N, C-alpha and C. Protein backbone atom coordinates (compact mmCIF):
# COMPACT_ATOMS: atom_id res chain seq x y z
N MET A 1 57.81 230.03 -103.54
CA MET A 1 58.83 229.68 -104.51
C MET A 1 58.31 228.62 -105.48
N GLY A 2 57.35 227.81 -105.04
CA GLY A 2 56.79 226.77 -105.89
C GLY A 2 56.09 227.34 -107.11
N SER A 3 55.50 228.54 -106.98
CA SER A 3 54.81 229.11 -108.13
C SER A 3 55.79 229.51 -109.22
N LEU A 4 56.96 229.99 -108.86
CA LEU A 4 57.99 230.32 -109.85
C LEU A 4 58.45 229.04 -110.55
N TYR A 5 58.51 227.96 -109.80
CA TYR A 5 58.89 226.67 -110.37
C TYR A 5 57.98 226.31 -111.53
N HIS A 6 56.69 226.53 -111.38
CA HIS A 6 55.73 226.18 -112.43
C HIS A 6 55.62 227.27 -113.49
N ALA A 7 55.91 228.51 -113.13
CA ALA A 7 55.75 229.62 -114.06
C ALA A 7 56.98 229.83 -114.96
N ASP A 8 58.18 229.63 -114.38
CA ASP A 8 59.41 229.92 -115.14
C ASP A 8 60.53 229.04 -114.60
N ILE A 9 60.63 227.81 -115.12
CA ILE A 9 61.59 226.83 -114.61
C ILE A 9 63.04 227.32 -114.77
N LEU A 10 63.31 228.07 -115.82
CA LEU A 10 64.67 228.58 -116.00
C LEU A 10 65.04 229.55 -114.89
N LYS A 11 64.18 230.51 -114.63
CA LYS A 11 64.44 231.49 -113.55
C LYS A 11 64.51 230.77 -112.21
N TRP A 12 63.58 229.84 -111.98
CA TRP A 12 63.59 229.08 -110.73
C TRP A 12 64.92 228.35 -110.56
N SER A 13 65.38 227.67 -111.61
CA SER A 13 66.62 226.90 -111.49
C SER A 13 67.81 227.80 -111.25
N GLU A 14 67.85 228.95 -111.90
CA GLU A 14 68.95 229.90 -111.67
C GLU A 14 68.92 230.42 -110.23
N ASP A 15 67.73 230.76 -109.74
CA ASP A 15 67.60 231.24 -108.36
C ASP A 15 68.02 230.16 -107.36
N GLN A 16 67.57 228.93 -107.59
CA GLN A 16 67.92 227.83 -106.67
C GLN A 16 69.41 227.54 -106.70
N ALA A 17 70.01 227.59 -107.87
CA ALA A 17 71.46 227.37 -107.97
C ALA A 17 72.21 228.45 -107.19
N GLY A 18 71.74 229.68 -107.28
CA GLY A 18 72.37 230.77 -106.53
C GLY A 18 72.26 230.55 -105.03
N ILE A 19 71.08 230.16 -104.57
CA ILE A 19 70.88 229.90 -103.14
C ILE A 19 71.78 228.75 -102.68
N LEU A 20 71.83 227.68 -103.44
CA LEU A 20 72.66 226.53 -103.06
C LEU A 20 74.15 226.88 -103.08
N ARG A 21 74.57 227.69 -104.03
CA ARG A 21 75.98 228.12 -104.06
C ARG A 21 76.33 228.92 -102.81
N GLN A 22 75.42 229.81 -102.42
CA GLN A 22 75.66 230.60 -101.21
C GLN A 22 75.74 229.70 -99.99
N LEU A 23 74.82 228.75 -99.88
CA LEU A 23 74.85 227.82 -98.75
C LEU A 23 76.14 227.00 -98.75
N ALA A 24 76.56 226.55 -99.93
CA ALA A 24 77.78 225.75 -100.03
C ALA A 24 79.01 226.57 -99.64
N ALA A 25 78.96 227.85 -99.86
CA ALA A 25 80.07 228.73 -99.50
C ALA A 25 80.02 229.13 -98.03
N GLY A 26 79.00 228.66 -97.31
CA GLY A 26 78.87 228.97 -95.89
C GLY A 26 78.22 230.31 -95.63
N LEU A 27 77.62 230.89 -96.62
CA LEU A 27 76.97 232.18 -96.45
C LEU A 27 75.54 232.00 -95.98
N ARG A 28 75.05 233.01 -95.30
CA ARG A 28 73.66 232.98 -94.86
C ARG A 28 72.79 233.47 -96.01
N VAL A 29 71.63 232.85 -96.15
CA VAL A 29 70.70 233.28 -97.19
C VAL A 29 69.36 233.60 -96.55
N ASN A 30 68.66 234.52 -97.15
CA ASN A 30 67.37 234.93 -96.62
C ASN A 30 66.24 234.00 -97.05
N GLU A 31 66.47 233.25 -98.10
CA GLU A 31 65.43 232.39 -98.62
C GLU A 31 65.89 230.93 -98.56
N ALA A 32 65.01 230.07 -98.07
CA ALA A 32 65.35 228.65 -98.00
C ALA A 32 65.24 228.03 -99.39
N PRO A 33 66.07 227.05 -99.68
CA PRO A 33 65.95 226.36 -100.96
C PRO A 33 64.58 225.69 -101.08
N ASP A 34 64.12 225.55 -102.28
CA ASP A 34 62.86 224.88 -102.59
C ASP A 34 63.14 223.39 -102.66
N TRP A 35 63.37 222.78 -101.48
CA TRP A 35 63.86 221.40 -101.41
C TRP A 35 63.00 220.39 -102.15
N ALA A 36 61.70 220.49 -102.01
CA ALA A 36 60.82 219.50 -102.64
C ALA A 36 61.01 219.47 -104.15
N ASN A 37 61.04 220.65 -104.76
CA ASN A 37 61.21 220.70 -106.21
C ASN A 37 62.65 220.42 -106.64
N ILE A 38 63.61 220.78 -105.82
CA ILE A 38 65.01 220.45 -106.12
C ILE A 38 65.18 218.94 -106.15
N ILE A 39 64.63 218.27 -105.16
CA ILE A 39 64.72 216.80 -105.10
C ILE A 39 64.04 216.18 -106.31
N GLU A 40 62.85 216.70 -106.65
CA GLU A 40 62.12 216.18 -107.82
C GLU A 40 62.94 216.37 -109.10
N GLU A 41 63.57 217.52 -109.24
CA GLU A 41 64.36 217.79 -110.44
C GLU A 41 65.61 216.90 -110.51
N ILE A 42 66.25 216.67 -109.38
CA ILE A 42 67.43 215.80 -109.38
C ILE A 42 67.02 214.39 -109.80
N GLU A 43 65.92 213.89 -109.26
CA GLU A 43 65.45 212.56 -109.65
C GLU A 43 65.09 212.51 -111.13
N SER A 44 64.50 213.59 -111.64
CA SER A 44 64.07 213.58 -113.04
C SER A 44 65.24 213.60 -114.01
N VAL A 45 66.38 214.12 -113.58
CA VAL A 45 67.56 214.13 -114.44
C VAL A 45 67.94 212.70 -114.82
N GLY A 46 68.03 211.83 -113.83
CA GLY A 46 68.37 210.44 -114.10
C GLY A 46 67.30 209.72 -114.89
N SER A 47 66.05 209.96 -114.55
CA SER A 47 64.94 209.32 -115.27
C SER A 47 64.91 209.75 -116.73
N SER A 48 65.16 211.02 -116.97
CA SER A 48 65.17 211.53 -118.35
C SER A 48 66.31 210.92 -119.14
N GLN A 49 67.47 210.81 -118.51
CA GLN A 49 68.62 210.22 -119.19
C GLN A 49 68.35 208.75 -119.54
N LEU A 50 67.77 208.01 -118.60
CA LEU A 50 67.43 206.61 -118.85
C LEU A 50 66.41 206.50 -119.97
N SER A 51 65.41 207.35 -119.96
CA SER A 51 64.40 207.35 -121.01
C SER A 51 65.01 207.64 -122.37
N ALA A 52 65.96 208.56 -122.42
CA ALA A 52 66.62 208.90 -123.68
C ALA A 52 67.42 207.71 -124.20
N VAL A 53 68.12 207.01 -123.31
CA VAL A 53 68.89 205.84 -123.73
C VAL A 53 67.96 204.77 -124.27
N ARG A 54 66.88 204.50 -123.55
CA ARG A 54 65.90 203.49 -124.01
C ARG A 54 65.34 203.87 -125.38
N SER A 55 64.96 205.12 -125.54
CA SER A 55 64.40 205.59 -126.80
C SER A 55 65.40 205.43 -127.95
N ASN A 56 66.65 205.79 -127.70
CA ASN A 56 67.67 205.64 -128.73
C ASN A 56 67.91 204.17 -129.08
N LEU A 57 67.85 203.30 -128.09
CA LEU A 57 68.02 201.87 -128.35
C LEU A 57 66.86 201.34 -129.20
N VAL A 58 65.64 201.76 -128.89
CA VAL A 58 64.48 201.33 -129.67
C VAL A 58 64.65 201.79 -131.12
N GLN A 59 65.02 203.04 -131.30
CA GLN A 59 65.18 203.56 -132.66
C GLN A 59 66.32 202.85 -133.40
N ALA A 60 67.42 202.56 -132.71
CA ALA A 60 68.53 201.84 -133.35
C ALA A 60 68.07 200.46 -133.79
N LEU A 61 67.38 199.75 -132.90
CA LEU A 61 66.90 198.42 -133.23
C LEU A 61 65.89 198.46 -134.37
N LEU A 62 65.01 199.43 -134.37
CA LEU A 62 64.00 199.54 -135.41
C LEU A 62 64.66 199.76 -136.77
N HIS A 63 65.63 200.65 -136.82
CA HIS A 63 66.32 200.91 -138.09
C HIS A 63 67.10 199.67 -138.56
N ASP A 64 67.76 199.01 -137.63
CA ASP A 64 68.49 197.79 -137.99
C ASP A 64 67.54 196.70 -138.48
N LEU A 65 66.40 196.59 -137.82
CA LEU A 65 65.44 195.55 -138.19
C LEU A 65 64.81 195.84 -139.56
N LYS A 66 64.55 197.11 -139.85
CA LYS A 66 64.02 197.45 -141.18
C LYS A 66 65.03 197.07 -142.26
N ALA A 67 66.30 197.32 -142.01
CA ALA A 67 67.33 196.96 -142.99
C ALA A 67 67.39 195.44 -143.17
N LEU A 68 67.16 194.71 -142.11
CA LEU A 68 67.16 193.25 -142.18
C LEU A 68 65.90 192.73 -142.88
N ALA A 69 64.77 193.34 -142.63
CA ALA A 69 63.49 192.88 -143.17
C ALA A 69 63.28 193.28 -144.63
N TRP A 70 63.89 194.36 -145.04
CA TRP A 70 63.79 194.84 -146.42
C TRP A 70 65.19 195.10 -146.98
N PRO A 71 66.00 194.06 -147.13
CA PRO A 71 67.41 194.24 -147.52
C PRO A 71 67.61 194.86 -148.90
N ASP A 72 66.61 194.79 -149.77
CA ASP A 72 66.75 195.33 -151.11
C ASP A 72 66.17 196.74 -151.25
N ALA A 73 65.63 197.27 -150.18
CA ALA A 73 65.04 198.60 -150.23
C ALA A 73 66.13 199.65 -150.46
N PRO A 74 65.82 200.68 -151.20
CA PRO A 74 66.82 201.72 -151.44
C PRO A 74 67.17 202.53 -150.19
N TYR A 75 66.40 202.34 -149.13
CA TYR A 75 66.60 203.10 -147.89
C TYR A 75 67.60 202.46 -146.94
N VAL A 76 68.07 201.27 -147.26
CA VAL A 76 68.94 200.52 -146.34
C VAL A 76 70.15 201.34 -145.89
N PRO A 77 70.89 202.00 -146.80
CA PRO A 77 72.04 202.80 -146.31
C PRO A 77 71.61 203.88 -145.32
N HIS A 78 70.48 204.50 -145.58
CA HIS A 78 69.96 205.53 -144.68
C HIS A 78 69.60 204.92 -143.32
N TRP A 79 68.90 203.78 -143.35
CA TRP A 79 68.52 203.12 -142.10
C TRP A 79 69.75 202.73 -141.29
N ARG A 80 70.75 202.19 -141.96
CA ARG A 80 71.97 201.78 -141.25
C ARG A 80 72.68 203.00 -140.64
N ALA A 81 72.75 204.08 -141.41
CA ALA A 81 73.40 205.29 -140.90
C ALA A 81 72.63 205.86 -139.71
N GLU A 82 71.32 205.91 -139.81
CA GLU A 82 70.52 206.43 -138.70
C GLU A 82 70.60 205.51 -137.49
N GLY A 83 70.59 204.20 -137.74
CA GLY A 83 70.74 203.25 -136.63
C GLY A 83 72.04 203.49 -135.88
N GLN A 84 73.11 203.78 -136.62
CA GLN A 84 74.40 204.06 -135.99
C GLN A 84 74.34 205.32 -135.14
N VAL A 85 73.67 206.35 -135.64
CA VAL A 85 73.53 207.59 -134.87
C VAL A 85 72.78 207.32 -133.57
N PHE A 86 71.71 206.54 -133.64
CA PHE A 86 70.94 206.22 -132.44
C PHE A 86 71.77 205.40 -131.46
N ARG A 87 72.58 204.45 -131.96
CA ARG A 87 73.45 203.67 -131.07
C ARG A 87 74.50 204.56 -130.42
N ASP A 88 75.07 205.46 -131.21
CA ASP A 88 76.06 206.39 -130.67
C ASP A 88 75.45 207.28 -129.59
N ASN A 89 74.24 207.76 -129.83
CA ASN A 89 73.56 208.60 -128.83
C ASN A 89 73.28 207.81 -127.56
N ALA A 90 72.84 206.57 -127.72
CA ALA A 90 72.58 205.72 -126.55
C ALA A 90 73.86 205.50 -125.76
N ALA A 91 74.94 205.19 -126.47
CA ALA A 91 76.22 204.93 -125.81
C ALA A 91 76.73 206.18 -125.10
N ALA A 92 76.54 207.34 -125.70
CA ALA A 92 77.03 208.58 -125.09
C ALA A 92 76.30 208.90 -123.79
N ASP A 93 75.01 208.56 -123.73
CA ASP A 93 74.21 208.88 -122.54
C ASP A 93 74.14 207.74 -121.52
N PHE A 94 74.63 206.58 -121.90
CA PHE A 94 74.54 205.39 -121.05
C PHE A 94 75.43 205.53 -119.82
N ALA A 95 74.89 205.13 -118.66
CA ALA A 95 75.64 205.06 -117.41
C ALA A 95 75.52 203.63 -116.89
N PRO A 96 76.57 203.11 -116.25
CA PRO A 96 76.54 201.71 -115.79
C PRO A 96 75.32 201.35 -114.95
N SER A 97 74.81 202.25 -114.16
CA SER A 97 73.65 201.93 -113.31
C SER A 97 72.38 201.71 -114.13
N MET A 98 72.40 202.08 -115.40
CA MET A 98 71.22 201.88 -116.25
C MET A 98 71.07 200.43 -116.69
N ARG A 99 72.16 199.70 -116.71
CA ARG A 99 72.15 198.33 -117.23
C ARG A 99 71.02 197.52 -116.61
N GLN A 100 70.86 197.57 -115.30
CA GLN A 100 69.83 196.77 -114.62
C GLN A 100 68.43 197.30 -114.87
N ARG A 101 68.31 198.51 -115.42
CA ARG A 101 66.99 199.09 -115.67
C ARG A 101 66.58 199.05 -117.14
N ILE A 102 67.42 198.46 -117.97
CA ILE A 102 67.10 198.35 -119.39
C ILE A 102 66.73 196.90 -119.68
N ASP A 103 65.48 196.69 -120.01
CA ASP A 103 64.96 195.37 -120.36
C ASP A 103 64.96 195.29 -121.88
N LEU A 104 66.05 194.75 -122.43
CA LEU A 104 66.21 194.71 -123.88
C LEU A 104 65.11 193.90 -124.55
N ALA A 105 64.66 192.83 -123.91
CA ALA A 105 63.58 192.02 -124.48
C ALA A 105 62.30 192.86 -124.61
N ALA A 106 62.00 193.66 -123.61
CA ALA A 106 60.81 194.51 -123.66
C ALA A 106 60.97 195.58 -124.74
N LEU A 107 62.15 196.15 -124.84
CA LEU A 107 62.38 197.15 -125.88
C LEU A 107 62.23 196.53 -127.26
N TYR A 108 62.73 195.32 -127.42
CA TYR A 108 62.64 194.65 -128.71
C TYR A 108 61.18 194.35 -129.07
N ARG A 109 60.37 194.00 -128.08
CA ARG A 109 58.94 193.78 -128.34
C ARG A 109 58.29 195.08 -128.86
N ARG A 110 58.70 196.21 -128.31
CA ARG A 110 58.21 197.50 -128.81
C ARG A 110 58.62 197.71 -130.26
N VAL A 111 59.86 197.33 -130.57
CA VAL A 111 60.36 197.46 -131.93
C VAL A 111 59.53 196.60 -132.88
N LEU A 112 59.28 195.36 -132.49
CA LEU A 112 58.49 194.47 -133.34
C LEU A 112 57.10 195.05 -133.60
N ARG A 113 56.50 195.64 -132.56
CA ARG A 113 55.18 196.26 -132.74
C ARG A 113 55.25 197.48 -133.66
N GLY A 114 56.40 198.13 -133.70
CA GLY A 114 56.55 199.33 -134.52
C GLY A 114 57.02 199.07 -135.94
N LEU A 115 57.32 197.83 -136.24
CA LEU A 115 57.78 197.48 -137.58
C LEU A 115 56.62 197.62 -138.56
N PRO A 116 56.81 198.33 -139.66
CA PRO A 116 55.71 198.50 -140.62
C PRO A 116 55.29 197.16 -141.24
N ALA A 117 54.04 197.08 -141.66
CA ALA A 117 53.54 195.87 -142.31
C ALA A 117 54.11 195.75 -143.72
N THR A 118 54.32 196.89 -144.37
CA THR A 118 54.92 196.90 -145.70
C THR A 118 55.76 198.16 -145.86
N ILE A 119 56.70 198.09 -146.75
CA ILE A 119 57.43 199.28 -147.18
C ILE A 119 57.45 199.22 -148.71
N ASP A 120 56.99 200.29 -149.32
CA ASP A 120 56.86 200.34 -150.78
C ASP A 120 56.08 199.14 -151.30
N GLY A 121 55.05 198.74 -150.56
CA GLY A 121 54.20 197.65 -150.97
C GLY A 121 54.75 196.25 -150.73
N GLN A 122 55.96 196.18 -150.17
CA GLN A 122 56.59 194.88 -149.95
C GLN A 122 56.48 194.48 -148.47
N PRO A 123 56.06 193.25 -148.20
CA PRO A 123 56.04 192.78 -146.81
C PRO A 123 57.48 192.51 -146.35
N PRO A 124 57.70 192.48 -145.06
CA PRO A 124 59.05 192.23 -144.56
C PRO A 124 59.45 190.77 -144.71
N LEU A 125 60.75 190.54 -144.83
CA LEU A 125 61.27 189.18 -144.69
C LEU A 125 61.12 188.81 -143.22
N PRO A 126 61.16 187.53 -142.90
CA PRO A 126 61.07 187.14 -141.49
C PRO A 126 62.19 187.78 -140.66
N VAL A 127 61.83 188.17 -139.47
CA VAL A 127 62.79 188.78 -138.54
C VAL A 127 62.82 187.94 -137.26
N PRO A 128 63.92 188.02 -136.52
CA PRO A 128 63.99 187.27 -135.27
C PRO A 128 62.87 187.65 -134.31
N VAL A 129 62.32 186.65 -133.64
CA VAL A 129 61.26 186.88 -132.67
C VAL A 129 61.84 187.43 -131.37
N GLU A 130 63.07 187.04 -131.07
CA GLU A 130 63.77 187.54 -129.88
C GLU A 130 64.92 188.43 -130.33
N CYS A 131 65.29 189.35 -129.48
CA CYS A 131 66.33 190.31 -129.82
C CYS A 131 67.63 189.60 -130.21
N PRO A 132 68.14 189.89 -131.40
CA PRO A 132 69.33 189.18 -131.89
C PRO A 132 70.65 189.76 -131.40
N VAL A 133 70.61 190.83 -130.62
CA VAL A 133 71.83 191.46 -130.13
C VAL A 133 71.75 191.68 -128.63
N THR A 134 72.87 191.90 -128.03
CA THR A 134 72.93 192.20 -126.60
C THR A 134 73.02 193.71 -126.41
N LEU A 135 72.82 194.13 -125.19
CA LEU A 135 72.98 195.55 -124.87
C LEU A 135 74.40 195.99 -125.18
N ASP A 136 75.38 195.15 -124.84
CA ASP A 136 76.77 195.49 -125.14
C ASP A 136 77.00 195.66 -126.64
N ASP A 137 76.36 194.80 -127.45
CA ASP A 137 76.47 194.94 -128.90
C ASP A 137 75.96 196.30 -129.36
N LEU A 138 74.84 196.71 -128.82
CA LEU A 138 74.23 197.99 -129.21
C LEU A 138 75.08 199.17 -128.78
N LEU A 139 75.73 199.06 -127.65
CA LEU A 139 76.48 200.19 -127.12
C LEU A 139 77.93 200.23 -127.61
N ARG A 140 78.37 199.15 -128.21
CA ARG A 140 79.75 199.06 -128.72
C ARG A 140 79.94 200.04 -129.86
N ASP A 141 81.14 200.58 -129.94
CA ASP A 141 81.49 201.49 -131.02
C ASP A 141 81.49 200.74 -132.34
N HIS A 142 80.60 201.14 -133.24
CA HIS A 142 80.47 200.48 -134.53
C HIS A 142 81.15 201.27 -135.65
N ALA A 143 81.86 202.30 -135.31
CA ALA A 143 82.46 203.16 -136.34
C ALA A 143 83.58 202.46 -137.08
């Protein structure tokens, strides 16, 4: 069953779901569930969700920081709008157990490293060295 897992994850997942449904209904099945890969996939669901939230937070902070660093750039409305979309995406995927696994200071350091040296030939205005917002600020509805 492991080879199907690597060859066709969609078919594997459908087959495993069918086997688990039968077991849950108390029916006998001829094939044992692929427990090792099922466990791995369940763990990866949470990890992927956490990674998506972190990525959206980085993008939100980066867009907000560009708007702060280049306030006269014609792109500011676009950056602010995109930053809002990234915050909304982070908030939609956020789960309370993620709070302890999100190091906002580390994410902000990534943002600072990703800030361009210039935009349209202009250097940035000074930006905060430490993250100027909290996780709650980022996840709050800004609409």
